[in-house]
Amino acid sequence: MTEKFVLGMRILLLGYEHALRSLREKSDDPAGLGEFADDFRRMAARGAASTVLALAENLPRIVDSSSLAAEDAE
């Protein structure tokens, strides 16, 4: 479970980081975004943690049950 959580957080936060860097590159005032970058990262990690934890716990059960239902339908 811990490994799934860590992997999920890494993947999700890499996406957030990519979005932040893209905004920084497109912005006319990169210093304005830089001032709030750490706050953004902290809020993104806090929000992502609950989502990733729920997915890490429940997604394997959902996938397993859907694959069993598909096998029963055949």
PDB file of N, CA and C in Angstrom:
ATOM      1  N   MET A   1       0.817  -1.188   0.000  1.00  0.00           N
ATOM      2  CA  MET A   1       0.000   0.000   0.000  1.00  0.00           C
ATOM      3  C   MET A   1       0.867   1.261   0.000  1.00  0.00           C
ATOM      4  N   THR A   2       1.902   1.264   0.817  1.00  0.00           N
ATOM      5  CA  THR A   2       2.780   2.428   0.896  1.00  0.00           C
ATOM      6  C   THR A   2       3.461   2.688  -0.436  1.00  0.00           C
ATOM      7  N   GLU A   3       3.915   1.646  -1.096  1.00  0.00           N
ATOM      8  CA  GLU A   3       4.581   1.805  -2.390  1.00  0.00           C
ATOM      9  C   GLU A   3       3.619   2.379  -3.428  1.00  0.00           C
ATOM     10  N   LYS A   4       2.376   1.918  -3.419  1.00  0.00           N
ATOM     11  CA  LYS A   4       1.376   2.435  -4.359  1.00  0.00           C
ATOM     12  C   LYS A   4       1.105   3.909  -4.088  1.00  0.00           C
ATOM     13  N   PHE A   5       1.030   4.268  -2.815  1.00  0.00           N
ATOM     14  CA  PHE A   5       0.788   5.662  -2.451  1.00  0.00           C
ATOM     15  C   PHE A   5       1.940   6.546  -2.916  1.00  0.00           C
ATOM     16  N   VAL A   6       3.155   6.129  -2.649  1.00  0.00           N
ATOM     17  CA  VAL A   6       4.330   6.916  -3.027  1.00  0.00           C
ATOM     18  C   VAL A   6       4.405   7.061  -4.540  1.00  0.00           C
ATOM     19  N   LEU A   7       4.177   5.987  -5.262  1.00  0.00           N
ATOM     20  CA  LEU A   7       4.218   6.038  -6.727  1.00  0.00           C
ATOM     21  C   LEU A   7       3.124   6.961  -7.267  1.00  0.00           C
ATOM     22  N   GLY A   8       1.928   6.839  -6.725  1.00  0.00           N
ATOM     23  CA  GLY A   8       0.831   7.705  -7.158  1.00  0.00           C
ATOM     24  C   GLY A   8       1.109   9.169  -6.894  1.00  0.00           C
ATOM     25  N   MET A   9       1.657   9.474  -5.734  1.00  0.00           N
ATOM     26  CA  MET A   9       1.989  10.866  -5.411  1.00  0.00           C
ATOM     27  C   MET A   9       3.066  11.403  -6.344  1.00  0.00           C
ATOM     28  N   ARG A  10       4.057  10.602  -6.615  1.00  0.00           N
ATOM     29  CA  ARG A  10       5.125  11.049  -7.520  1.00  0.00           C
ATOM     30  C   ARG A  10       4.577  11.365  -8.903  1.00  0.00           C
ATOM     31  N   ILE A  11       3.754  10.483  -9.425  1.00  0.00           N
ATOM     32  CA  ILE A  11       3.199  10.690 -10.765  1.00  0.00           C
ATOM     33  C   ILE A  11       2.307  11.922 -10.798  1.00  0.00           C
ATOM     34  N   LEU A  12       1.418  12.046  -9.829  1.00  0.00           N
ATOM     35  CA  LEU A  12       0.497  13.177  -9.805  1.00  0.00           C
ATOM     36  C   LEU A  12       1.224  14.498  -9.615  1.00  0.00           C
ATOM     37  N   LEU A  13       2.184  14.529  -8.707  1.00  0.00           N
ATOM     38  CA  LEU A  13       2.887  15.784  -8.440  1.00  0.00           C
ATOM     39  C   LEU A  13       3.853  16.150  -9.556  1.00  0.00           C
ATOM     40  N   LEU A  14       4.333  15.171 -10.308  1.00  0.00           N
ATOM     41  CA  LEU A  14       5.113  15.499 -11.503  1.00  0.00           C
ATOM     42  C   LEU A  14       4.242  16.242 -12.514  1.00  0.00           C
ATOM     43  N   GLY A  15       2.990  15.842 -12.609  1.00  0.00           N
ATOM     44  CA  GLY A  15       2.053  16.560 -13.481  1.00  0.00           C
ATOM     45  C   GLY A  15       1.824  17.982 -13.022  1.00  0.00           C
ATOM     46  N   TYR A  16       1.650  18.175 -11.710  1.00  0.00           N
ATOM     47  CA  TYR A  16       1.498  19.522 -11.176  1.00  0.00           C
ATOM     48  C   TYR A  16       2.742  20.368 -11.428  1.00  0.00           C
ATOM     49  N   GLU A  17       3.900  19.773 -11.226  1.00  0.00           N
ATOM     50  CA  GLU A  17       5.150  20.499 -11.434  1.00  0.00           C
ATOM     51  C   GLU A  17       5.316  20.901 -12.897  1.00  0.00           C
ATOM     52  N   HIS A  18       4.955  20.005 -13.786  1.00  0.00           N
ATOM     53  CA  HIS A  18       5.028  20.311 -15.223  1.00  0.00           C
ATOM     54  C   HIS A  18       4.087  21.476 -15.567  1.00  0.00           C
ATOM     55  N   ALA A  19       2.878  21.457 -15.007  1.00  0.00           N
ATOM     56  CA  ALA A  19       1.934  22.546 -15.262  1.00  0.00           C
ATOM     57  C   ALA A  19       2.459  23.871 -14.719  1.00  0.00           C
ATOM     58  N   LEU A  20       3.052  23.841 -13.544  1.00  0.00           N
ATOM     59  CA  LEU A  20       3.603  25.061 -12.951  1.00  0.00           C
ATOM     60  C   LEU A  20       4.743  25.617 -13.792  1.00  0.00           C
ATOM     61  N   ARG A  21       5.620  24.734 -14.240  1.00  0.00           N
ATOM     62  CA  ARG A  21       6.737  25.198 -15.082  1.00  0.00           C
ATOM     63  C   ARG A  21       6.254  25.741 -16.415  1.00  0.00           C
ATOM     64  N   SER A  22       5.221  25.127 -16.981  1.00  0.00           N
ATOM     65  CA  SER A  22       4.661  25.623 -18.243  1.00  0.00           C
ATOM     66  C   SER A  22       4.086  27.016 -18.062  1.00  0.00           C
ATOM     67  N   LEU A  23       3.376  27.242 -16.959  1.00  0.00           N
ATOM     68  CA  LEU A  23       2.839  28.570 -16.680  1.00  0.00           C
ATOM     69  C   LEU A  23       3.954  29.590 -16.486  1.00  0.00           C
ATOM     70  N   ARG A  24       4.995  29.175 -15.816  1.00  0.00           N
ATOM     71  CA  ARG A  24       6.128  30.066 -15.563  1.00  0.00           C
ATOM     72  C   ARG A  24       6.803  30.491 -16.874  1.00  0.00           C
ATOM     73  N   GLU A  25       6.933  29.545 -17.799  1.00  0.00           N
ATOM     74  CA  GLU A  25       7.585  29.843 -19.078  1.00  0.00           C
ATOM     75  C   GLU A  25       6.726  30.748 -19.949  1.00  0.00           C
ATOM     76  N   LYS A  26       5.402  30.600 -19.874  1.00  0.00           N
ATOM     77  CA  LYS A  26       4.495  31.395 -20.701  1.00  0.00           C
ATOM     78  C   LYS A  26       4.204  32.761 -20.105  1.00  0.00           C
ATOM     79  N   SER A  27       4.432  32.925 -18.822  1.00  0.00           N
ATOM     80  CA  SER A  27       4.076  34.148 -18.124  1.00  0.00           C
ATOM     81  C   SER A  27       5.032  35.287 -18.467  1.00  0.00           C
ATOM     82  N   ASP A  28       4.475  36.494 -18.532  1.00  0.00           N
ATOM     83  CA  ASP A  28       5.302  37.684 -18.741  1.00  0.00           C
ATOM     84  C   ASP A  28       6.027  38.078 -17.465  1.00  0.00           C
ATOM     85  N   ASP A  29       5.494  37.648 -16.335  1.00  0.00           N
ATOM     86  CA  ASP A  29       6.061  37.997 -15.025  1.00  0.00           C
ATOM     87  C   ASP A  29       6.378  36.720 -14.248  1.00  0.00           C
ATOM     88  N   PRO A  30       7.495  36.048 -14.588  1.00  0.00           N
ATOM     89  CA  PRO A  30       7.799  34.801 -13.898  1.00  0.00           C
ATOM     90  C   PRO A  30       8.036  34.964 -12.404  1.00  0.00           C
ATOM     91  N   ALA A  31       8.430  36.125 -11.964  1.00  0.00           N
ATOM     92  CA  ALA A  31       8.664  36.342 -10.534  1.00  0.00           C
ATOM     93  C   ALA A  31       7.359  36.272  -9.752  1.00  0.00           C
ATOM     94  N   GLY A  32       6.255  36.653 -10.371  1.00  0.00           N
ATOM     95  CA  GLY A  32       4.958  36.608  -9.704  1.00  0.00           C
ATOM     96  C   GLY A  32       4.555  35.190  -9.361  1.00  0.00           C
ATOM     97  N   LEU A  33       4.783  34.257 -10.272  1.00  0.00           N
ATOM     98  CA  LEU A  33       4.469  32.853 -10.005  1.00  0.00           C
ATOM     99  C   LEU A  33       5.448  32.252  -9.014  1.00  0.00           C
ATOM    100  N   GLY A  34       6.697  32.641  -9.107  1.00  0.00           N
ATOM    101  CA  GLY A  34       7.712  32.086  -8.231  1.00  0.00           C
ATOM    102  C   GLY A  34       7.447  32.366  -6.768  1.00  0.00           C
ATOM    103  N   GLU A  35       6.809  33.484  -6.521  1.00  0.00           N
ATOM    104  CA  GLU A  35       6.495  33.861  -5.141  1.00  0.00           C
ATOM    105  C   GLU A  35       5.537  32.862  -4.485  1.00  0.00           C
ATOM    106  N   PHE A  36       4.658  32.259  -5.277  1.00  0.00           N
ATOM    107  CA  PHE A  36       3.647  31.360  -4.743  1.00  0.00           C
ATOM    108  C   PHE A  36       3.901  29.889  -5.087  1.00  0.00           C
ATOM    109  N   ALA A  37       5.047  29.572  -5.690  1.00  0.00           N
ATOM    110  CA  ALA A  37       5.315  28.208  -6.134  1.00  0.00           C
ATOM    111  C   ALA A  37       5.311  27.210  -4.981  1.00  0.00           C
ATOM    112  N   ASP A  38       5.941  27.544  -3.870  1.00  0.00           N
ATOM    113  CA  ASP A  38       5.969  26.625  -2.730  1.00  0.00           C
ATOM    114  C   ASP A  38       4.582  26.431  -2.126  1.00  0.00           C
ATOM    115  N   ASP A  39       3.798  27.519  -2.073  1.00  0.00           N
ATOM    116  CA  ASP A  39       2.426  27.402  -1.571  1.00  0.00           C
ATOM    117  C   ASP A  39       1.601  26.499  -2.490  1.00  0.00           C
ATOM    118  N   PHE A  40       1.773  26.668  -3.787  1.00  0.00           N
ATOM    119  CA  PHE A  40       1.061  25.841  -4.751  1.00  0.00           C
ATOM    120  C   PHE A  40       1.433  24.373  -4.577  1.00  0.00           C
ATOM    121  N   ARG A  41       2.724  24.095  -4.459  1.00  0.00           N
ATOM    122  CA  ARG A  41       3.173  22.708  -4.280  1.00  0.00           C
ATOM    123  C   ARG A  41       2.599  22.103  -3.005  1.00  0.00           C
ATOM    124  N   ARG A  42       2.597  22.871  -1.937  1.00  0.00           N
ATOM    125  CA  ARG A  42       2.087  22.380  -0.654  1.00  0.00           C
ATOM    126  C   ARG A  42       0.590  22.075  -0.741  1.00  0.00           C
ATOM    127  N   MET A  43      -0.176  22.977  -1.351  1.00  0.00           N
ATOM    128  CA  MET A  43      -1.614  22.751  -1.492  1.00  0.00           C
ATOM    129  C   MET A  43      -1.901  21.573  -2.425  1.00  0.00           C
ATOM    130  N   ALA A  44      -1.136  21.467  -3.507  1.00  0.00           N
ATOM    131  CA  ALA A  44      -1.328  20.359  -4.444  1.00  0.00           C
ATOM    132  C   ALA A  44      -1.033  19.028  -3.770  1.00  0.00           C
ATOM    133  N   ALA A  45       0.031  18.958  -2.994  1.00  0.00           N
ATOM    134  CA  ALA A  45       0.384  17.713  -2.304  1.00  0.00           C
ATOM    135  C   ALA A  45      -0.674  17.352  -1.266  1.00  0.00           C
ATOM    136  N   ARG A  46      -1.164  18.326  -0.546  1.00  0.00           N
ATOM    137  CA  ARG A  46      -2.182  18.060   0.475  1.00  0.00           C
ATOM    138  C   ARG A  46      -3.464  17.542  -0.168  1.00  0.00           C
ATOM    139  N   GLY A  47      -3.877  18.167  -1.254  1.00  0.00           N
ATOM    140  CA  GLY A  47      -5.091  17.728  -1.942  1.00  0.00           C
ATOM    141  C   GLY A  47      -4.920  16.387  -2.632  1.00  0.00           C
ATOM    142  N   ALA A  48      -3.751  16.163  -3.202  1.00  0.00           N
ATOM    143  CA  ALA A  48      -3.506  14.914  -3.920  1.00  0.00           C
ATOM    144  C   ALA A  48      -3.392  13.730  -2.977  1.00  0.00           C
ATOM    145  N   ALA A  49      -2.912  13.953  -1.773  1.00  0.00           N
ATOM    146  CA  ALA A  49      -2.680  12.846  -0.851  1.00  0.00           C
ATOM    147  C   ALA A  49      -3.955  12.070  -0.558  1.00  0.00           C
ATOM    148  N   SER A  50      -5.046  12.757  -0.311  1.00  0.00           N
ATOM    149  CA  SER A  50      -6.292  12.046  -0.006  1.00  0.00           C
ATOM    150  C   SER A  50      -6.807  11.299  -1.235  1.00  0.00           C
ATOM    151  N   THR A  51      -6.668  11.897  -2.408  1.00  0.00           N
ATOM    152  CA  THR A  51      -7.123  11.239  -3.631  1.00  0.00           C
ATOM    153  C   THR A  51      -6.289  10.014  -3.942  1.00  0.00           C
ATOM    154  N   VAL A  52      -4.988  10.152  -3.856  1.00  0.00           N
ATOM    155  CA  VAL A  52      -4.094   9.033  -4.165  1.00  0.00           C
ATOM    156  C   VAL A  52      -4.277   7.912  -3.150  1.00  0.00           C
ATOM    157  N   LEU A  53      -4.456   8.250  -1.901  1.00  0.00           N
ATOM    158  CA  LEU A  53      -4.665   7.226  -0.883  1.00  0.00           C
ATOM    159  C   LEU A  53      -5.947   6.443  -1.159  1.00  0.00           C
ATOM    160  N   ALA A  54      -7.006   7.149  -1.488  1.00  0.00           N
ATOM    161  CA  ALA A  54      -8.274   6.471  -1.796  1.00  0.00           C
ATOM    162  C   ALA A  54      -8.134   5.578  -3.024  1.00  0.00           C
ATOM    163  N   LEU A  55      -7.436   6.053  -4.047  1.00  0.00           N
ATOM    164  CA  LEU A  55      -7.228   5.232  -5.248  1.00  0.00           C
ATOM    165  C   LEU A  55      -6.358   4.020  -4.949  1.00  0.00           C
ATOM    166  N   ALA A  56      -5.296   4.208  -4.182  1.00  0.00           N
ATOM    167  CA  ALA A  56      -4.401   3.094  -3.868  1.00  0.00           C
ATOM    168  C   ALA A  56      -5.140   2.012  -3.086  1.00  0.00           C
ATOM    169  N   GLU A  57      -6.082   2.418  -2.234  1.00  0.00           N
ATOM    170  CA  GLU A  57      -6.839   1.448  -1.443  1.00  0.00           C
ATOM    171  C   GLU A  57      -7.925   0.755  -2.252  1.00  0.00           C
ATOM    172  N   ASN A  58      -8.659   1.515  -3.061  1.00  0.00           N
ATOM    173  CA  ASN A  58      -9.876   0.991  -3.682  1.00  0.00           C
ATOM    174  C   ASN A  58      -9.746   0.550  -5.131  1.00  0.00           C
ATOM    175  N   LEU A  59      -8.843   1.127  -5.879  1.00  0.00           N
ATOM    176  CA  LEU A  59      -8.754   0.799  -7.301  1.00  0.00           C
ATOM    177  C   LEU A  59      -8.458  -0.674  -7.560  1.00  0.00           C
ATOM    178  N   PRO A  60      -7.556  -1.308  -6.823  1.00  0.00           N
ATOM    179  CA  PRO A  60      -7.330  -2.737  -7.080  1.00  0.00           C
ATOM    180  C   PRO A  60      -8.595  -3.576  -6.894  1.00  0.00           C
ATOM    181  N   ARG A  61      -9.412  -3.257  -5.893  1.00  0.00           N
ATOM    182  CA  ARG A  61     -10.668  -3.991  -5.684  1.00  0.00           C
ATOM    183  C   ARG A  61     -11.653  -3.739  -6.811  1.00  0.00           C
ATOM    184  N   ILE A  62     -11.716  -2.512  -7.294  1.00  0.00           N
ATOM    185  CA  ILE A  62     -12.628  -2.165  -8.385  1.00  0.00           C
ATOM    186  C   ILE A  62     -12.206  -2.886  -9.659  1.00  0.00           C
ATOM    187  N   VAL A  63     -10.924  -2.845  -9.959  1.00  0.00           N
ATOM    188  CA  VAL A  63     -10.411  -3.494 -11.172  1.00  0.00           C
ATOM    189  C   VAL A  63     -10.601  -4.999 -11.087  1.00  0.00           C
ATOM    190  N   ASP A  64     -10.303  -5.581  -9.932  1.00  0.00           N
ATOM    191  CA  ASP A  64     -10.469  -7.019  -9.763  1.00  0.00           C
ATOM    192  C   ASP A  64     -11.927  -7.433  -9.923  1.00  0.00           C
ATOM    193  N   SER A  65     -12.834  -6.698  -9.322  1.00  0.00           N
ATOM    194  CA  SER A  65     -14.245  -7.062  -9.416  1.00  0.00           C
ATOM    195  C   SER A  65     -14.781  -6.865 -10.830  1.00  0.00           C
ATOM    196  N   SER A  66     -14.305  -5.834 -11.540  1.00  0.00           N
ATOM    197  CA  SER A  66     -14.771  -5.636 -12.916  1.00  0.00           C
ATOM    198  C   SER A  66     -14.220  -6.707 -13.836  1.00  0.00           C
ATOM    199  N   SER A  67     -13.002  -7.161 -13.593  1.00  0.00           N
ATOM    200  CA  SER A  67     -12.452  -8.231 -14.432  1.00  0.00           C
ATOM    201  C   SER A  67     -13.174  -9.544 -14.168  1.00  0.00           C
ATOM    202  N   LEU A  68     -13.583  -9.780 -12.922  1.00  0.00           N
ATOM    203  CA  LEU A  68     -14.357 -10.990 -12.612  1.00  0.00           C
ATOM    204  C   LEU A  68     -15.743 -10.937 -13.262  1.00  0.00           C
ATOM    205  N   ALA A  69     -16.352  -9.749 -13.250  1.00  0.00           N
ATOM    206  CA  ALA A  69     -17.652  -9.594 -13.887  1.00  0.00           C
ATOM    207  C   ALA A  69     -17.549  -9.801 -15.393  1.00  0.00           C
ATOM    208  N   ALA A  70     -16.470  -9.354 -16.003  1.00  0.00           N
ATOM    209  CA  ALA A  70     -16.280  -9.537 -17.442  1.00  0.00           C
ATOM    210  C   ALA A  70     -16.083 -11.021 -17.771  1.00  0.00           C
ATOM    211  N   GLU A  71     -15.374 -11.756 -16.907  1.00  0.00           N
ATOM    212  CA  GLU A  71     -15.188 -13.181 -17.113  1.00  0.00           C
ATOM    213  C   GLU A  71     -16.491 -13.937 -16.963  1.00  0.00           C
ATOM    214  N   ASP A  72     -17.341 -13.520 -16.029  1.00  0.00           N
ATOM    215  CA  ASP A  72     -18.625 -14.186 -15.820  1.00  0.00           C
ATOM    216  C   ASP A  72     -19.570 -13.955 -16.993  1.00  0.00           C
ATOM    217  N   ALA A  73     -19.441 -12.800 -17.644  1.00  0.00           N
ATOM    218  CA  ALA A  73     -20.308 -12.472 -18.781  1.00  0.00           C
ATOM    219  C   ALA A  73     -19.962 -13.307 -20.006  1.00  0.00           C
ATOM    220  N   GLU A  74     -18.756 -13.796 -20.085  1.00  0.00           N
ATOM    221  CA  GLU A  74     -18.332 -14.577 -21.265  1.00  0.00           C
ATOM    222  C   GLU A  74     -18.903 -15.912 -21.196  1.00  0.00           C
TER     223      GLU A  74
END
